[in-house]
Amino acid sequence: MNNSSVNRATIQSWIDDRLSYDTVEKTLVLDGFETAEITEYLQQFKKLKNANKQITGFVFMAVGAFIGFLACVMAMINPMPDMQDFFLFGLTLIAVGMMMYGMYLVFD
């Protein structure tokens, strides 16, 4: 079976509706699809869903890296001595948290 038989708009609507893998499978069975078609739809559903998670993960990692870089630069130039702890610990904690969440999304 080729990818042209899979309706990507339908798959995208399932992702937008946040349907689970099992719900999608039950929907396809109830709609009378054959086993090969169901397998193809489910593979494309998982592939597209994971691609969206990876994009979000890379965005989180990039924003976290930027915040971490900003925290490092601000701690080194020390423009406001009273804010040294915030730059050194606060922004770094936020940056590491965002990067870890991004890695979770990418590698999950």
C-alpha atoms as a PDB file:
ATOM      1  CA  MET A   1       0.000   0.000   0.000  1.00  0.00           C
ATOM      2  CA  ASN A   2       1.325   3.447  -0.806  1.00  0.00           C
ATOM      3  CA  ASN A   3       1.142   6.614   1.248  1.00  0.00           C
ATOM      4  CA  SER A   4      -1.290   8.266  -1.170  1.00  0.00           C
ATOM      5  CA  SER A   5      -4.113   6.050   0.138  1.00  0.00           C
ATOM      6  CA  VAL A   6      -3.690   7.532   3.621  1.00  0.00           C
ATOM      7  CA  ASN A   7      -5.754  10.659   4.201  1.00  0.00           C
ATOM      8  CA  ARG A   8      -3.365  13.030   5.991  1.00  0.00           C
ATOM      9  CA  ALA A   9      -6.149  15.498   6.768  1.00  0.00           C
ATOM     10  CA  THR A  10      -7.955  12.793   8.725  1.00  0.00           C
ATOM     11  CA  ILE A  11      -4.790  11.933  10.631  1.00  0.00           C
ATOM     12  CA  GLN A  12      -4.181  15.603  11.404  1.00  0.00           C
ATOM     13  CA  SER A  13      -7.740  15.954  12.702  1.00  0.00           C
ATOM     14  CA  TRP A  14      -7.141  12.977  15.038  1.00  0.00           C
ATOM     15  CA  ILE A  15      -3.996  14.663  16.345  1.00  0.00           C
ATOM     16  CA  ASP A  16      -5.832  17.967  16.785  1.00  0.00           C
ATOM     17  CA  ASP A  17      -8.587  16.129  18.704  1.00  0.00           C
ATOM     18  CA  ARG A  18      -5.870  14.490  20.853  1.00  0.00           C
ATOM     19  CA  LEU A  19      -7.162  10.987  20.240  1.00  0.00           C
ATOM     20  CA  SER A  20      -5.220   8.087  21.674  1.00  0.00           C
ATOM     21  CA  TYR A  21      -3.702   5.281  19.621  1.00  0.00           C
ATOM     22  CA  ASP A  22      -6.366   2.817  20.800  1.00  0.00           C
ATOM     23  CA  THR A  23      -9.220   5.203  20.002  1.00  0.00           C
ATOM     24  CA  VAL A  24      -7.917   5.711  16.482  1.00  0.00           C
ATOM     25  CA  GLU A  25      -7.599   1.972  16.006  1.00  0.00           C
ATOM     26  CA  LYS A  26     -11.174   1.381  17.202  1.00  0.00           C
ATOM     27  CA  THR A  27     -12.435   4.139  14.920  1.00  0.00           C
ATOM     28  CA  LEU A  28     -10.754   2.568  11.906  1.00  0.00           C
ATOM     29  CA  VAL A  29     -12.129  -0.881  12.749  1.00  0.00           C
ATOM     30  CA  LEU A  30     -15.644   0.519  13.137  1.00  0.00           C
ATOM     31  CA  ASP A  31     -15.326   2.361   9.812  1.00  0.00           C
ATOM     32  CA  GLY A  32     -14.642  -0.980   8.098  1.00  0.00           C
ATOM     33  CA  PHE A  33     -11.028  -0.570   7.034  1.00  0.00           C
ATOM     34  CA  GLU A  34      -8.945  -3.625   6.204  1.00  0.00           C
ATOM     35  CA  THR A  35      -6.095  -4.744   8.445  1.00  0.00           C
ATOM     36  CA  ALA A  36      -3.394  -3.488   6.063  1.00  0.00           C
ATOM     37  CA  GLU A  37      -5.057  -0.082   5.798  1.00  0.00           C
ATOM     38  CA  ILE A  38      -5.437   0.146   9.577  1.00  0.00           C
ATOM     39  CA  THR A  39      -1.748  -0.650  10.031  1.00  0.00           C
ATOM     40  CA  GLU A  40      -0.771   2.019   7.496  1.00  0.00           C
ATOM     41  CA  TYR A  41      -3.010   4.638   9.114  1.00  0.00           C
ATOM     42  CA  LEU A  42      -1.669   3.832  12.580  1.00  0.00           C
ATOM     43  CA  GLN A  43       1.942   4.025  11.396  1.00  0.00           C
ATOM     44  CA  GLN A  44       1.347   7.406   9.771  1.00  0.00           C
ATOM     45  CA  PHE A  45      -0.542   8.609  12.887  1.00  0.00           C
ATOM     46  CA  LYS A  46       2.363   7.705  15.170  1.00  0.00           C
ATOM     47  CA  LYS A  47       4.901   9.194  12.757  1.00  0.00           C
ATOM     48  CA  LEU A  48       3.101  12.529  12.474  1.00  0.00           C
ATOM     49  CA  LYS A  49       2.364  12.693  16.203  1.00  0.00           C
ATOM     50  CA  ASN A  50       6.022  12.057  17.063  1.00  0.00           C
ATOM     51  CA  ALA A  51       7.171  14.632  14.511  1.00  0.00           C
ATOM     52  CA  ASN A  52       5.044  17.275  16.208  1.00  0.00           C
ATOM     53  CA  LYS A  53       6.490  16.336  19.608  1.00  0.00           C
ATOM     54  CA  GLN A  54      10.024  16.535  18.258  1.00  0.00           C
ATOM     55  CA  ILE A  55       9.484  20.006  16.811  1.00  0.00           C
ATOM     56  CA  THR A  56       8.147  21.199  20.159  1.00  0.00           C
ATOM     57  CA  GLY A  57      11.103  19.554  21.909  1.00  0.00           C
ATOM     58  CA  PHE A  58      13.646  21.273  19.694  1.00  0.00           C
ATOM     59  CA  VAL A  59      11.957  24.625  20.321  1.00  0.00           C
ATOM     60  CA  PHE A  60      12.147  24.073  24.084  1.00  0.00           C
ATOM     61  CA  MET A  61      15.816  23.091  23.835  1.00  0.00           C
ATOM     62  CA  ALA A  62      16.651  26.160  21.718  1.00  0.00           C
ATOM     63  CA  VAL A  63      14.855  28.556  24.058  1.00  0.00           C
ATOM     64  CA  GLY A  64      16.481  26.893  27.074  1.00  0.00           C
ATOM     65  CA  ALA A  65      19.920  27.176  25.476  1.00  0.00           C
ATOM     66  CA  PHE A  66      19.347  30.845  24.731  1.00  0.00           C
ATOM     67  CA  ILE A  67      18.217  31.551  28.296  1.00  0.00           C
ATOM     68  CA  GLY A  68      21.240  29.641  29.601  1.00  0.00           C
ATOM     69  CA  PHE A  69      23.568  31.644  27.386  1.00  0.00           C
ATOM     70  CA  LEU A  70      21.905  34.860  28.495  1.00  0.00           C
ATOM     71  CA  ALA A  71      22.261  33.829  32.154  1.00  0.00           C
ATOM     72  CA  CYS A  72      25.948  33.069  31.626  1.00  0.00           C
ATOM     73  CA  VAL A  73      26.652  36.391  29.931  1.00  0.00           C
ATOM     74  CA  MET A  74      24.706  38.380  32.521  1.00  0.00           C
ATOM     75  CA  ALA A  75      26.528  36.610  35.362  1.00  0.00           C
ATOM     76  CA  MET A  76      29.904  37.374  33.770  1.00  0.00           C
ATOM     77  CA  ILE A  77      29.345  41.057  33.019  1.00  0.00           C
ATOM     78  CA  ASN A  78      27.480  41.554  36.314  1.00  0.00           C
ATOM     79  CA  PRO A  79      25.471  44.662  35.303  1.00  0.00           C
ATOM     80  CA  MET A  80      23.480  44.657  38.548  1.00  0.00           C
ATOM     81  CA  PRO A  81      25.327  43.139  41.528  1.00  0.00           C
ATOM     82  CA  ASP A  82      22.080  42.680  43.445  1.00  0.00           C
ATOM     83  CA  MET A  83      20.778  40.427  40.653  1.00  0.00           C
ATOM     84  CA  GLN A  84      23.875  38.188  40.500  1.00  0.00           C
ATOM     85  CA  ASP A  85      22.145  35.290  42.283  1.00  0.00           C
ATOM     86  CA  PHE A  86      19.103  35.536  40.009  1.00  0.00           C
ATOM     87  CA  PHE A  87      21.243  35.375  36.871  1.00  0.00           C
ATOM     88  CA  LEU A  88      23.502  32.668  38.217  1.00  0.00           C
ATOM     89  CA  PHE A  89      20.913  30.393  39.780  1.00  0.00           C
ATOM     90  CA  GLY A  90      17.417  31.453  38.739  1.00  0.00           C
ATOM     91  CA  LEU A  91      17.857  31.762  34.987  1.00  0.00           C
ATOM     92  CA  THR A  92      20.172  28.766  34.882  1.00  0.00           C
ATOM     93  CA  LEU A  93      17.555  26.640  36.651  1.00  0.00           C
ATOM     94  CA  ILE A  94      14.890  27.768  34.185  1.00  0.00           C
ATOM     95  CA  ALA A  95      17.201  27.090  31.242  1.00  0.00           C
ATOM     96  CA  VAL A  96      18.140  23.609  32.406  1.00  0.00           C
ATOM     97  CA  GLY A  97      14.504  22.776  33.095  1.00  0.00           C
ATOM     98  CA  MET A  98      13.412  23.869  29.630  1.00  0.00           C
ATOM     99  CA  MET A  99      16.243  21.976  27.982  1.00  0.00           C
ATOM    100  CA  MET A 100      15.489  18.800  29.940  1.00  0.00           C
ATOM    101  CA  TYR A 101      11.801  18.980  29.021  1.00  0.00           C
ATOM    102  CA  GLY A 102      12.785  19.500  25.384  1.00  0.00           C
ATOM    103  CA  MET A 103      15.053  16.460  25.483  1.00  0.00           C
ATOM    104  CA  TYR A 104      12.233  14.457  27.046  1.00  0.00           C
ATOM    105  CA  LEU A 105       9.965  15.377  24.126  1.00  0.00           C
ATOM    106  CA  VAL A 106      12.613  14.613  21.516  1.00  0.00           C
ATOM    107  CA  PHE A 107      13.821  11.300  22.918  1.00  0.00           C
ATOM    108  CA  ASP A 108      10.478   9.957  24.134  1.00  0.00           C
END
